[in-house]
Amino acid sequence: MHVVIPYVVGALLFGLGVYGVLRRRNAILVLMAVELMLNAVNLILITADVSLRSALTGVAIESWARPGSAAPGTGGVLALFVIVLAAAEVGVGLAIILQFYRMRKAVVVDDVRLEADEERVAG
């Protein structure tokens, strides 16, 4: 498989995510669009790791790097970090959306007021 294809797919996924964030008004759909963008970043990280690793085969390790310290799967580690961040983001985001739904009985982003006013949750 050519290395450009995963980059193009990642860019398309990221573009779809940006479109979803900008266009959608439902908070859950906005959260799903953000997840789509994070998964696109994961795809690009993994692809960059694999393509750079194959391109640097036979290249001598730089003087600042310790021999053997070029850990394989660096892009995979970054992707795992992004997955953990995405999981935390989903947890916090869903908690905020659920609390907003309890208060307003809707999850429309346009109804969210950003001014600091006193509003108590019933229940």
PDB file of N, CA and C in Angstrom:
ATOM      1  N   MET A   1       0.849  -1.177   0.000  1.00  0.00           N
ATOM      2  CA  MET A   1       0.000   0.000   0.000  1.00  0.00           C
ATOM      3  C   MET A   1       0.891   1.235   0.000  1.00  0.00           C
ATOM      4  N   HIS A   2       0.493   2.191  -0.790  1.00  0.00           N
ATOM      5  CA  HIS A   2       1.265   3.420  -0.871  1.00  0.00           C
ATOM      6  C   HIS A   2       1.075   4.228   0.403  1.00  0.00           C
ATOM      7  N   VAL A   3       2.117   4.939   0.800  1.00  0.00           N
ATOM      8  CA  VAL A   3       2.086   5.638   2.083  1.00  0.00           C
ATOM      9  C   VAL A   3       1.194   6.878   2.049  1.00  0.00           C
ATOM     10  N   VAL A   4       0.852   7.355   0.889  1.00  0.00           N
ATOM     11  CA  VAL A   4       0.037   8.578   0.802  1.00  0.00           C
ATOM     12  C   VAL A   4      -1.415   8.298   1.180  1.00  0.00           C
ATOM     13  N   ILE A   5      -1.867   7.083   0.925  1.00  0.00           N
ATOM     14  CA  ILE A   5      -3.287   6.766   1.153  1.00  0.00           C
ATOM     15  C   ILE A   5      -3.689   6.961   2.615  1.00  0.00           C
ATOM     16  N   PRO A   6      -2.945   6.453   3.598  1.00  0.00           N
ATOM     17  CA  PRO A   6      -3.364   6.705   4.989  1.00  0.00           C
ATOM     18  C   PRO A   6      -3.332   8.196   5.363  1.00  0.00           C
ATOM     19  N   TYR A   7      -2.385   8.937   4.797  1.00  0.00           N
ATOM     20  CA  TYR A   7      -2.368  10.378   5.065  1.00  0.00           C
ATOM     21  C   TYR A   7      -3.623  11.051   4.513  1.00  0.00           C
ATOM     22  N   VAL A   8      -4.021  10.649   3.311  1.00  0.00           N
ATOM     23  CA  VAL A   8      -5.224  11.243   2.695  1.00  0.00           C
ATOM     24  C   VAL A   8      -6.462  10.849   3.498  1.00  0.00           C
ATOM     25  N   VAL A   9      -6.527   9.581   3.894  1.00  0.00           N
ATOM     26  CA  VAL A   9      -7.673   9.135   4.695  1.00  0.00           C
ATOM     27  C   VAL A   9      -7.701   9.886   6.033  1.00  0.00           C
ATOM     28  N   GLY A  10      -6.546  10.048   6.649  1.00  0.00           N
ATOM     29  CA  GLY A  10      -6.476  10.805   7.904  1.00  0.00           C
ATOM     30  C   GLY A  10      -6.907  12.248   7.722  1.00  0.00           C
ATOM     31  N   ALA A  11      -6.469  12.850   6.622  1.00  0.00           N
ATOM     32  CA  ALA A  11      -6.873  14.242   6.367  1.00  0.00           C
ATOM     33  C   ALA A  11      -8.375  14.341   6.120  1.00  0.00           C
ATOM     34  N   LEU A  12      -8.922  13.360   5.405  1.00  0.00           N
ATOM     35  CA  LEU A  12     -10.376  13.363   5.174  1.00  0.00           C
ATOM     36  C   LEU A  12     -11.147  13.174   6.479  1.00  0.00           C
ATOM     37  N   LEU A  13     -10.680  12.254   7.301  1.00  0.00           N
ATOM     38  CA  LEU A  13     -11.346  12.052   8.598  1.00  0.00           C
ATOM     39  C   LEU A  13     -11.274  13.311   9.449  1.00  0.00           C
ATOM     40  N   PHE A  14     -10.112  13.949   9.440  1.00  0.00           N
ATOM     41  CA  PHE A  14      -9.965  15.177  10.230  1.00  0.00           C
ATOM     42  C   PHE A  14     -10.871  16.278   9.680  1.00  0.00           C
ATOM     43  N   GLY A  15     -10.954  16.357   8.344  1.00  0.00           N
ATOM     44  CA  GLY A  15     -11.841  17.354   7.739  1.00  0.00           C
ATOM     45  C   GLY A  15     -13.295  17.099   8.084  1.00  0.00           C
ATOM     46  N   LEU A  16     -13.692  15.817   8.062  1.00  0.00           N
ATOM     47  CA  LEU A  16     -15.061  15.492   8.457  1.00  0.00           C
ATOM     48  C   LEU A  16     -15.314  15.866   9.914  1.00  0.00           C
ATOM     49  N   GLY A  17     -14.317  15.644  10.740  1.00  0.00           N
ATOM     50  CA  GLY A  17     -14.465  16.013  12.148  1.00  0.00           C
ATOM     51  C   GLY A  17     -14.606  17.508  12.331  1.00  0.00           C
ATOM     52  N   VAL A  18     -13.795  18.267  11.607  1.00  0.00           N
ATOM     53  CA  VAL A  18     -13.893  19.732  11.695  1.00  0.00           C
ATOM     54  C   VAL A  18     -15.261  20.199  11.201  1.00  0.00           C
ATOM     55  N   TYR A  19     -15.711  19.599  10.115  1.00  0.00           N
ATOM     56  CA  TYR A  19     -17.036  19.944   9.597  1.00  0.00           C
ATOM     57  C   TYR A  19     -18.121  19.634  10.629  1.00  0.00           C
ATOM     58  N   GLY A  20     -18.002  18.482  11.285  1.00  0.00           N
ATOM     59  CA  GLY A  20     -18.982  18.107  12.303  1.00  0.00           C
ATOM     60  C   GLY A  20     -18.990  19.060  13.481  1.00  0.00           C
ATOM     61  N   VAL A  21     -17.796  19.493  13.894  1.00  0.00           N
ATOM     62  CA  VAL A  21     -17.732  20.422  15.030  1.00  0.00           C
ATOM     63  C   VAL A  21     -18.339  21.766  14.652  1.00  0.00           C
ATOM     64  N   LEU A  22     -18.058  22.211  13.433  1.00  0.00           N
ATOM     65  CA  LEU A  22     -18.536  23.535  13.029  1.00  0.00           C
ATOM     66  C   LEU A  22     -20.010  23.531  12.635  1.00  0.00           C
ATOM     67  N   ARG A  23     -20.503  22.433  12.123  1.00  0.00           N
ATOM     68  CA  ARG A  23     -21.835  22.415  11.544  1.00  0.00           C
ATOM     69  C   ARG A  23     -22.908  21.883  12.493  1.00  0.00           C
ATOM     70  N   ARG A  24     -22.589  20.896  13.286  1.00  0.00           N
ATOM     71  CA  ARG A  24     -23.577  20.249  14.140  1.00  0.00           C
ATOM     72  C   ARG A  24     -23.908  21.107  15.349  1.00  0.00           C
ATOM     73  N   ARG A  25     -25.140  20.970  15.821  1.00  0.00           N
ATOM     74  CA  ARG A  25     -25.589  21.704  17.002  1.00  0.00           C
ATOM     75  C   ARG A  25     -25.858  20.788  18.181  1.00  0.00           C
ATOM     76  N   ASN A  26     -25.955  19.502  17.919  1.00  0.00           N
ATOM     77  CA  ASN A  26     -26.168  18.546  18.991  1.00  0.00           C
ATOM     78  C   ASN A  26     -24.827  18.292  19.681  1.00  0.00           C
ATOM     79  N   ALA A  27     -24.791  18.398  20.978  1.00  0.00           N
ATOM     80  CA  ALA A  27     -23.534  18.286  21.713  1.00  0.00           C
ATOM     81  C   ALA A  27     -22.925  16.894  21.590  1.00  0.00           C
ATOM     82  N   ILE A  28     -23.748  15.884  21.517  1.00  0.00           N
ATOM     83  CA  ILE A  28     -23.219  14.525  21.395  1.00  0.00           C
ATOM     84  C   ILE A  28     -22.574  14.337  20.027  1.00  0.00           C
ATOM     85  N   LEU A  29     -23.190  14.888  19.001  1.00  0.00           N
ATOM     86  CA  LEU A  29     -22.592  14.787  17.664  1.00  0.00           C
ATOM     87  C   LEU A  29     -21.298  15.589  17.577  1.00  0.00           C
ATOM     88  N   VAL A  30     -21.245  16.698  18.259  1.00  0.00           N
ATOM     89  CA  VAL A  30     -19.996  17.478  18.299  1.00  0.00           C
ATOM     90  C   VAL A  30     -18.902  16.669  18.990  1.00  0.00           C
ATOM     91  N   LEU A  31     -19.280  15.978  20.056  1.00  0.00           N
ATOM     92  CA  LEU A  31     -18.316  15.134  20.758  1.00  0.00           C
ATOM     93  C   LEU A  31     -17.832  13.994  19.855  1.00  0.00           C
ATOM     94  N   MET A  32     -18.740  13.416  19.079  1.00  0.00           N
ATOM     95  CA  MET A  32     -18.347  12.364  18.145  1.00  0.00           C
ATOM     96  C   MET A  32     -17.434  12.917  17.046  1.00  0.00           C
ATOM     97  N   ALA A  33     -17.664  14.136  16.619  1.00  0.00           N
ATOM     98  CA  ALA A  33     -16.802  14.748  15.606  1.00  0.00           C
ATOM     99  C   ALA A  33     -15.400  14.982  16.164  1.00  0.00           C
ATOM    100  N   VAL A  34     -15.320  15.364  17.403  1.00  0.00           N
ATOM    101  CA  VAL A  34     -14.000  15.535  18.030  1.00  0.00           C
ATOM    102  C   VAL A  34     -13.279  14.191  18.108  1.00  0.00           C
ATOM    103  N   GLU A  35     -14.024  13.147  18.421  1.00  0.00           N
ATOM    104  CA  GLU A  35     -13.424  11.815  18.438  1.00  0.00           C
ATOM    105  C   GLU A  35     -12.918  11.414  17.062  1.00  0.00           C
ATOM    106  N   LEU A  36     -13.659  11.791  16.033  1.00  0.00           N
ATOM    107  CA  LEU A  36     -13.226  11.505  14.670  1.00  0.00           C
ATOM    108  C   LEU A  36     -11.907  12.210  14.364  1.00  0.00           C
ATOM    109  N   MET A  37     -11.776  13.438  14.809  1.00  0.00           N
ATOM    110  CA  MET A  37     -10.524  14.166  14.602  1.00  0.00           C
ATOM    111  C   MET A  37      -9.377  13.502  15.357  1.00  0.00           C
ATOM    112  N   LEU A  38      -9.634  13.046  16.576  1.00  0.00           N
ATOM    113  CA  LEU A  38      -8.573  12.395  17.349  1.00  0.00           C
ATOM    114  C   LEU A  38      -8.155  11.073  16.696  1.00  0.00           C
ATOM    115  N   ASN A  39      -9.109  10.345  16.150  1.00  0.00           N
ATOM    116  CA  ASN A  39      -8.758   9.100  15.461  1.00  0.00           C
ATOM    117  C   ASN A  39      -7.992   9.380  14.179  1.00  0.00           C
ATOM    118  N   ALA A  40      -8.289  10.477  13.511  1.00  0.00           N
ATOM    119  CA  ALA A  40      -7.507  10.859  12.333  1.00  0.00           C
ATOM    120  C   ALA A  40      -6.067  11.160  12.729  1.00  0.00           C
ATOM    121  N   VAL A  41      -5.890  11.816  13.833  1.00  0.00           N
ATOM    122  CA  VAL A  41      -4.536  12.097  14.324  1.00  0.00           C
ATOM    123  C   VAL A  41      -3.820  10.792  14.646  1.00  0.00           C
ATOM    124  N   ASN A  42      -4.526   9.845  15.230  1.00  0.00           N
ATOM    125  CA  ASN A  42      -3.922   8.543  15.511  1.00  0.00           C
ATOM    126  C   ASN A  42      -3.470   7.858  14.239  1.00  0.00           C
ATOM    127  N   LEU A  43      -4.310   7.890  13.228  1.00  0.00           N
ATOM    128  CA  LEU A  43      -3.953   7.266  11.955  1.00  0.00           C
ATOM    129  C   LEU A  43      -2.707   7.917  11.360  1.00  0.00           C
ATOM    130  N   ILE A  44      -2.629   9.222  11.437  1.00  0.00           N
ATOM    131  CA  ILE A  44      -1.465   9.924  10.890  1.00  0.00           C
ATOM    132  C   ILE A  44      -0.217   9.631  11.717  1.00  0.00           C
ATOM    133  N   LEU A  45      -0.359   9.547  13.032  1.00  0.00           N
ATOM    134  CA  LEU A  45       0.800   9.221  13.878  1.00  0.00           C
ATOM    135  C   LEU A  45       1.345   7.833  13.551  1.00  0.00           C
ATOM    136  N   ILE A  46       0.478   6.868  13.430  1.00  0.00           N
ATOM    137  CA  ILE A  46       0.925   5.507  13.127  1.00  0.00           C
ATOM    138  C   ILE A  46       1.548   5.453  11.737  1.00  0.00           C
ATOM    139  N   THR A  47       0.921   6.126  10.774  1.00  0.00           N
ATOM    140  CA  THR A  47       1.456   6.118   9.412  1.00  0.00           C
ATOM    141  C   THR A  47       2.813   6.806   9.351  1.00  0.00           C
ATOM    142  N   ALA A  48       2.946   7.911  10.046  1.00  0.00           N
ATOM    143  CA  ALA A  48       4.229   8.618  10.061  1.00  0.00           C
ATOM    144  C   ALA A  48       5.309   7.761  10.707  1.00  0.00           C
ATOM    145  N   ASP A  49       4.950   7.066  11.758  1.00  0.00           N
ATOM    146  CA  ASP A  49       5.926   6.205  12.416  1.00  0.00           C
ATOM    147  C   ASP A  49       6.404   5.103  11.479  1.00  0.00           C
ATOM    148  N   VAL A  50       5.465   4.457  10.827  1.00  0.00           N
ATOM    149  CA  VAL A  50       5.825   3.352   9.938  1.00  0.00           C
ATOM    150  C   VAL A  50       6.606   3.860   8.727  1.00  0.00           C
ATOM    151  N   SER A  51       6.154   4.956   8.138  1.00  0.00           N
ATOM    152  CA  SER A  51       6.834   5.448   6.938  1.00  0.00           C
ATOM    153  C   SER A  51       8.220   5.995   7.262  1.00  0.00           C
ATOM    154  N   LEU A  52       8.358   6.686   8.391  1.00  0.00           N
ATOM    155  CA  LEU A  52       9.682   7.193   8.762  1.00  0.00           C
ATOM    156  C   LEU A  52      10.624   6.056   9.131  1.00  0.00           C
ATOM    157  N   ARG A  53      10.089   5.055   9.785  1.00  0.00           N
ATOM    158  CA  ARG A  53      10.930   3.927  10.165  1.00  0.00           C
ATOM    159  C   ARG A  53      11.449   3.203   8.919  1.00  0.00           C
ATOM    160  N   SER A  54      10.579   3.037   7.924  1.00  0.00           N
ATOM    161  CA  SER A  54      11.029   2.356   6.704  1.00  0.00           C
ATOM    162  C   SER A  54      11.961   3.249   5.896  1.00  0.00           C
ATOM    163  N   ALA A  55      11.775   4.573   5.974  1.00  0.00           N
ATOM    164  CA  ALA A  55      12.640   5.481   5.222  1.00  0.00           C
ATOM    165  C   ALA A  55      14.022   5.601   5.876  1.00  0.00           C
ATOM    166  N   LEU A  56      14.100   5.410   7.177  1.00  0.00           N
ATOM    167  CA  LEU A  56      15.368   5.584   7.884  1.00  0.00           C
ATOM    168  C   LEU A  56      16.110   4.272   8.085  1.00  0.00           C
ATOM    169  N   THR A  57      15.728   3.258   7.410  1.00  0.00           N
ATOM    170  CA  THR A  57      16.425   1.984   7.532  1.00  0.00           C
ATOM    171  C   THR A  57      17.838   2.136   6.982  1.00  0.00           C
ATOM    172  N   GLY A  58      18.787   1.805   7.796  1.00  0.00           N
ATOM    173  CA  GLY A  58      20.176   1.905   7.373  1.00  0.00           C
ATOM    174  C   GLY A  58      20.832   3.224   7.699  1.00  0.00           C
ATOM    175  N   VAL A  59      20.097   4.156   8.237  1.00  0.00           N
ATOM    176  CA  VAL A  59      20.667   5.449   8.603  1.00  0.00           C
ATOM    177  C   VAL A  59      21.296   5.326   9.979  1.00  0.00           C
ATOM    178  N   ALA A  60      22.486   5.865  10.112  1.00  0.00           N
ATOM    179  CA  ALA A  60      23.189   5.787  11.388  1.00  0.00           C
ATOM    180  C   ALA A  60      22.484   6.612  12.448  1.00  0.00           C
ATOM    181  N   ILE A  61      22.509   6.116  13.654  1.00  0.00           N
ATOM    182  CA  ILE A  61      21.894   6.821  14.771  1.00  0.00           C
ATOM    183  C   ILE A  61      22.664   8.103  15.038  1.00  0.00           C
ATOM    184  N   GLU A  62      21.949   9.180  15.270  1.00  0.00           N
ATOM    185  CA  GLU A  62      22.580  10.478  15.514  1.00  0.00           C
ATOM    186  C   GLU A  62      23.441  10.420  16.772  1.00  0.00           C
ATOM    187  N   SER A  63      24.339  11.350  16.887  1.00  0.00           N
ATOM    188  CA  SER A  63      25.260  11.332  18.019  1.00  0.00           C
ATOM    189  C   SER A  63      24.551  11.655  19.337  1.00  0.00           C
ATOM    190  N   TRP A  64      23.445  12.381  19.281  1.00  0.00           N
ATOM    191  CA  TRP A  64      22.733  12.733  20.510  1.00  0.00           C
ATOM    192  C   TRP A  64      21.849  11.600  21.009  1.00  0.00           C
ATOM    193  N   ALA A  65      21.623  10.625  20.176  1.00  0.00           N
ATOM    194  CA  ALA A  65      20.766   9.517  20.582  1.00  0.00           C
ATOM    195  C   ALA A  65      21.615   8.381  21.108  1.00  0.00           C
ATOM    196  N   ARG A  66      21.144   7.759  22.143  1.00  0.00           N
ATOM    197  CA  ARG A  66      21.845   6.601  22.667  1.00  0.00           C
ATOM    198  C   ARG A  66      21.540   5.406  21.777  1.00  0.00           C
ATOM    199  N   PRO A  67      22.515   4.575  21.545  1.00  0.00           N
ATOM    200  CA  PRO A  67      22.245   3.377  20.748  1.00  0.00           C
ATOM    201  C   PRO A  67      21.184   2.515  21.439  1.00  0.00           C
ATOM    202  N   GLY A  68      20.241   2.134  20.678  1.00  0.00           N
ATOM    203  CA  GLY A  68      19.184   1.295  21.232  1.00  0.00           C
ATOM    204  C   GLY A  68      18.048   2.079  21.847  1.00  0.00           C
ATOM    205  N   SER A  69      18.204   3.403  21.920  1.00  0.00           N
ATOM    206  CA  SER A  69      17.138   4.191  22.540  1.00  0.00           C
ATOM    207  C   SER A  69      16.044   4.537  21.544  1.00  0.00           C
ATOM    208  N   ALA A  70      16.309   4.275  20.275  1.00  0.00           N
ATOM    209  CA  ALA A  70      15.267   4.536  19.275  1.00  0.00           C
ATOM    210  C   ALA A  70      14.215   3.447  19.401  1.00  0.00           C
ATOM    211  N   ALA A  71      13.326   3.669  20.320  1.00  0.00           N
ATOM    212  CA  ALA A  71      12.334   2.652  20.643  1.00  0.00           C
ATOM    213  C   ALA A  71      11.388   2.434  19.477  1.00  0.00           C
ATOM    214  N   PRO A  72      11.173   1.195  19.109  1.00  0.00           N
ATOM    215  CA  PRO A  72      10.219   0.933  18.040  1.00  0.00           C
ATOM    216  C   PRO A  72       8.804   1.231  18.525  1.00  0.00           C
ATOM    217  N   GLY A  73       8.012   1.715  17.611  1.00  0.00           N
ATOM    218  CA  GLY A  73       6.624   1.982  17.960  1.00  0.00           C
ATOM    219  C   GLY A  73       6.409   3.311  18.630  1.00  0.00           C
ATOM    220  N   THR A  74       7.251   4.291  18.344  1.00  0.00           N
ATOM    221  CA  THR A  74       7.092   5.598  18.966  1.00  0.00           C
ATOM    222  C   THR A  74       5.756   6.224  18.568  1.00  0.00           C
ATOM    223  N   GLY A  75       5.387   6.072  17.308  1.00  0.00           N
ATOM    224  CA  GLY A  75       4.088   6.580  16.866  1.00  0.00           C
ATOM    225  C   GLY A  75       2.956   5.846  17.542  1.00  0.00           C
ATOM    226  N   GLY A  76       3.144   4.569  17.786  1.00  0.00           N
ATOM    227  CA  GLY A  76       2.137   3.787  18.492  1.00  0.00           C
ATOM    228  C   GLY A  76       1.960   4.253  19.921  1.00  0.00           C
ATOM    229  N   VAL A  77       3.072   4.628  20.553  1.00  0.00           N
ATOM    230  CA  VAL A  77       2.991   5.139  21.926  1.00  0.00           C
ATOM    231  C   VAL A  77       2.241   6.466  21.946  1.00  0.00           C
ATOM    232  N   LEU A  78       2.541   7.312  20.976  1.00  0.00           N
ATOM    233  CA  LEU A  78       1.815   8.587  20.892  1.00  0.00           C
ATOM    234  C   LEU A  78       0.340   8.353  20.597  1.00  0.00           C
ATOM    235  N   ALA A  79       0.052   7.397  19.730  1.00  0.00           N
ATOM    236  CA  ALA A  79      -1.346   7.080  19.436  1.00  0.00           C
ATOM    237  C   ALA A  79      -2.052   6.546  20.673  1.00  0.00           C
ATOM    238  N   LEU A  80      -1.369   5.730  21.442  1.00  0.00           N
ATOM    239  CA  LEU A  80      -1.952   5.236  22.696  1.00  0.00           C
ATOM    240  C   LEU A  80      -2.217   6.391  23.651  1.00  0.00           C
ATOM    241  N   PHE A  81      -1.302   7.350  23.696  1.00  0.00           N
ATOM    242  CA  PHE A  81      -1.506   8.541  24.533  1.00  0.00           C
ATOM    243  C   PHE A  81      -2.726   9.318  24.067  1.00  0.00           C
ATOM    244  N   VAL A  82      -2.892   9.442  22.757  1.00  0.00           N
ATOM    245  CA  VAL A  82      -4.060  10.158  22.221  1.00  0.00           C
ATOM    246  C   VAL A  82      -5.344   9.395  22.547  1.00  0.00           C
ATOM    247  N   ILE A  83      -5.284   8.060  22.509  1.00  0.00           N
ATOM    248  CA  ILE A  83      -6.463   7.254  22.845  1.00  0.00           C
ATOM    249  C   ILE A  83      -6.847   7.468  24.306  1.00  0.00           C
ATOM    250  N   VAL A  84      -5.853   7.528  25.178  1.00  0.00           N
ATOM    251  CA  VAL A  84      -6.140   7.770  26.604  1.00  0.00           C
ATOM    252  C   VAL A  84      -6.748   9.161  26.781  1.00  0.00           C
ATOM    253  N   LEU A  85      -6.183  10.150  26.080  1.00  0.00           N
ATOM    254  CA  LEU A  85      -6.750  11.496  26.158  1.00  0.00           C
ATOM    255  C   LEU A  85      -8.181  11.520  25.620  1.00  0.00           C
ATOM    256  N   ALA A  86      -8.426  10.776  24.549  1.00  0.00           N
ATOM    257  CA  ALA A  86      -9.775  10.732  23.969  1.00  0.00           C
ATOM    258  C   ALA A  86     -10.751  10.087  24.941  1.00  0.00           C
ATOM    259  N   ALA A  87     -10.314   9.047  25.617  1.00  0.00           N
ATOM    260  CA  ALA A  87     -11.193   8.399  26.585  1.00  0.00           C
ATOM    261  C   ALA A  87     -11.527   9.349  27.734  1.00  0.00           C
ATOM    262  N   ALA A  88     -10.534  10.074  28.198  1.00  0.00           N
ATOM    263  CA  ALA A  88     -10.784  11.048  29.266  1.00  0.00           C
ATOM    264  C   ALA A  88     -11.693  12.167  28.769  1.00  0.00           C
ATOM    265  N   GLU A  89     -11.473  12.604  27.543  1.00  0.00           N
ATOM    266  CA  GLU A  89     -12.297  13.663  26.954  1.00  0.00           C
ATOM    267  C   GLU A  89     -13.748  13.218  26.826  1.00  0.00           C
ATOM    268  N   VAL A  90     -13.942  11.981  26.425  1.00  0.00           N
ATOM    269  CA  VAL A  90     -15.313  11.461  26.294  1.00  0.00           C
ATOM    270  C   VAL A  90     -15.973  11.382  27.667  1.00  0.00           C
ATOM    271  N   GLY A  91     -15.250  10.933  28.651  1.00  0.00           N
ATOM    272  CA  GLY A  91     -15.819  10.849  29.997  1.00  0.00           C
ATOM    273  C   GLY A  91     -16.255  12.202  30.520  1.00  0.00           C
ATOM    274  N   VAL A  92     -15.380  13.168  30.406  1.00  0.00           N
ATOM    275  CA  VAL A  92     -15.704  14.512  30.888  1.00  0.00           C
ATOM    276  C   VAL A  92     -16.791  15.146  30.029  1.00  0.00           C
ATOM    277  N   GLY A  93     -16.687  14.966  28.714  1.00  0.00           N
ATOM    278  CA  GLY A  93     -17.675  15.550  27.807  1.00  0.00           C
ATOM    279  C   GLY A  93     -19.059  14.980  28.019  1.00  0.00           C
ATOM    280  N   LEU A  94     -19.149  13.671  28.168  1.00  0.00           N
ATOM    281  CA  LEU A  94     -20.458  13.066  28.404  1.00  0.00           C
ATOM    282  C   LEU A  94     -21.024  13.473  29.759  1.00  0.00           C
ATOM    283  N   ALA A  95     -20.178  13.637  30.749  1.00  0.00           N
ATOM    284  CA  ALA A  95     -20.659  14.096  32.049  1.00  0.00           C
ATOM    285  C   ALA A  95     -21.219  15.513  31.946  1.00  0.00           C
ATOM    286  N   ILE A  96     -20.544  16.373  31.212  1.00  0.00           N
ATOM    287  CA  ILE A  96     -21.031  17.741  31.028  1.00  0.00           C
ATOM    288  C   ILE A  96     -22.344  17.745  30.248  1.00  0.00           C
ATOM    289  N   ILE A  97     -22.406  16.950  29.193  1.00  0.00           N
ATOM    290  CA  ILE A  97     -23.625  16.895  28.381  1.00  0.00           C
ATOM    291  C   ILE A  97     -24.785  16.328  29.193  1.00  0.00           C
ATOM    292  N   LEU A  98     -24.523  15.301  29.976  1.00  0.00           N
ATOM    293  CA  LEU A  98     -25.577  14.714  30.796  1.00  0.00           C
ATOM    294  C   LEU A  98     -26.086  15.714  31.827  1.00  0.00           C
ATOM    295  N   GLN A  99     -25.186  16.450  32.435  1.00  0.00           N
ATOM    296  CA  GLN A  99     -25.604  17.465  33.411  1.00  0.00           C
ATOM    297  C   GLN A  99     -26.397  18.576  32.726  1.00  0.00           C
ATOM    298  N   PHE A 100     -25.964  18.969  31.548  1.00  0.00           N
ATOM    299  CA  PHE A 100     -26.695  20.002  30.805  1.00  0.00           C
ATOM    300  C   PHE A 100     -28.073  19.488  30.402  1.00  0.00           C
ATOM    301  N   TYR A 101     -28.152  18.231  30.028  1.00  0.00           N
ATOM    302  CA  TYR A 101     -29.444  17.659  29.657  1.00  0.00           C
ATOM    303  C   TYR A 101     -30.377  17.601  30.863  1.00  0.00           C
ATOM    304  N   ARG A 102     -29.848  17.311  32.008  1.00  0.00           N
ATOM    305  CA  ARG A 102     -30.683  17.294  33.218  1.00  0.00           C
ATOM    306  C   ARG A 102     -31.230  18.676  33.534  1.00  0.00           C
ATOM    307  N   MET A 103     -30.434  19.691  33.218  1.00  0.00           N
ATOM    308  CA  MET A 103     -30.868  21.060  33.522  1.00  0.00           C
ATOM    309  C   MET A 103     -31.839  21.591  32.484  1.00  0.00           C
ATOM    310  N   ARG A 104     -31.593  21.326  31.217  1.00  0.00           N
ATOM    311  CA  ARG A 104     -32.351  21.971  30.135  1.00  0.00           C
ATOM    312  C   ARG A 104     -33.222  21.033  29.318  1.00  0.00           C
ATOM    313  N   LYS A 105     -33.072  19.749  29.486  1.00  0.00           N
ATOM    314  CA  LYS A 105     -33.806  18.751  28.681  1.00  0.00           C
ATOM    315  C   LYS A 105     -33.503  18.882  27.193  1.00  0.00           C
ATOM    316  N   ALA A 106     -32.321  19.316  26.867  1.00  0.00           N
ATOM    317  CA  ALA A 106     -31.879  19.429  25.482  1.00  0.00           C
ATOM    318  C   ALA A 106     -30.353  19.389  25.460  1.00  0.00           C
ATOM    319  N   VAL A 107     -29.816  19.030  24.320  1.00  0.00           N
ATOM    320  CA  VAL A 107     -28.358  18.994  24.178  1.00  0.00           C
ATOM    321  C   VAL A 107     -27.921  19.849  22.991  1.00  0.00           C
ATOM    322  N   VAL A 108     -28.628  20.933  22.770  1.00  0.00           N
ATOM    323  CA  VAL A 108     -28.305  21.825  21.666  1.00  0.00           C
ATOM    324  C   VAL A 108     -27.215  22.781  22.120  1.00  0.00           C
ATOM    325  N   VAL A 109     -26.152  22.857  21.342  1.00  0.00           N
ATOM    326  CA  VAL A 109     -24.995  23.666  21.727  1.00  0.00           C
ATOM    327  C   VAL A 109     -25.341  25.158  21.707  1.00  0.00           C
ATOM    328  N   ASP A 110     -26.237  25.569  20.827  1.00  0.00           N
ATOM    329  CA  ASP A 110     -26.575  26.989  20.737  1.00  0.00           C
ATOM    330  C   ASP A 110     -27.277  27.504  21.995  1.00  0.00           C
ATOM    331  N   ASP A 111     -27.878  26.623  22.759  1.00  0.00           N
ATOM    332  CA  ASP A 111     -28.588  27.037  23.963  1.00  0.00           C
ATOM    333  C   ASP A 111     -27.672  27.217  25.159  1.00  0.00           C
ATOM    334  N   VAL A 112     -26.427  26.881  25.014  1.00  0.00           N
ATOM    335  CA  VAL A 112     -25.497  26.984  26.135  1.00  0.00           C
ATOM    336  C   VAL A 112     -25.115  28.442  26.310  1.00  0.00           C
ATOM    337  N   ARG A 113     -25.402  28.960  27.489  1.00  0.00           N
ATOM    338  CA  ARG A 113     -24.998  30.325  27.796  1.00  0.00           C
ATOM    339  C   ARG A 113     -23.651  30.280  28.500  1.00  0.00           C
ATOM    340  N   LEU A 114     -22.765  31.131  28.070  1.00  0.00           N
ATOM    341  CA  LEU A 114     -21.427  31.123  28.638  1.00  0.00           C
ATOM    342  C   LEU A 114     -21.239  32.155  29.736  1.00  0.00           C
ATOM    343  N   GLU A 115     -22.259  32.970  29.995  1.00  0.00           N
ATOM    344  CA  GLU A 115     -22.140  33.947  31.065  1.00  0.00           C
ATOM    345  C   GLU A 115     -22.248  33.224  32.397  1.00  0.00           C
ATOM    346  N   ALA A 116     -21.579  33.762  33.369  1.00  0.00           N
ATOM    347  CA  ALA A 116     -21.629  33.180  34.703  1.00  0.00           C
ATOM    348  C   ALA A 116     -22.867  33.697  35.412  1.00  0.00           C
ATOM    349  N   ASP A 117     -23.859  32.851  35.535  1.00  0.00           N
ATOM    350  CA  ASP A 117     -25.047  33.220  36.277  1.00  0.00           C
ATOM    351  C   ASP A 117     -25.394  32.068  37.214  1.00  0.00           C
ATOM    352  N   GLU A 118     -26.196  32.372  38.166  1.00  0.00           N
ATOM    353  CA  GLU A 118     -26.575  31.381  39.157  1.00  0.00           C
ATOM    354  C   GLU A 118     -27.659  30.483  38.583  1.00  0.00           C
ATOM    355  N   GLU A 119     -27.366  29.233  38.511  1.00  0.00           N
ATOM    356  CA  GLU A 119     -28.360  28.284  38.059  1.00  0.00           C
ATOM    357  C   GLU A 119     -28.126  26.996  38.830  1.00  0.00           C
ATOM    358  N   ARG A 120     -29.142  26.559  39.470  1.00  0.00           N
ATOM    359  CA  ARG A 120     -29.024  25.362  40.303  1.00  0.00           C
ATOM    360  C   ARG A 120     -29.668  24.183  39.602  1.00  0.00           C
ATOM    361  N   VAL A 121     -29.139  23.037  39.908  1.00  0.00           N
ATOM    362  CA  VAL A 121     -29.676  21.813  39.343  1.00  0.00           C
ATOM    363  C   VAL A 121     -30.756  21.290  40.275  1.00  0.00           C
ATOM    364  N   ALA A 122     -31.904  21.009  39.695  1.00  0.00           N
ATOM    365  CA  ALA A 122     -32.976  20.445  40.491  1.00  0.00           C
ATOM    366  C   ALA A 122     -32.743  18.960  40.664  1.00  0.00           C
ATOM    367  N   GLY A 123     -32.880  18.498  41.828  1.00  0.00           N
ATOM    368  CA  GLY A 123     -32.754  17.054  42.059  1.00  0.00           C
ATOM    369  C   GLY A 123     -31.549  16.762  42.748  1.00  0.00           C
TER     370      GLY A 123
END
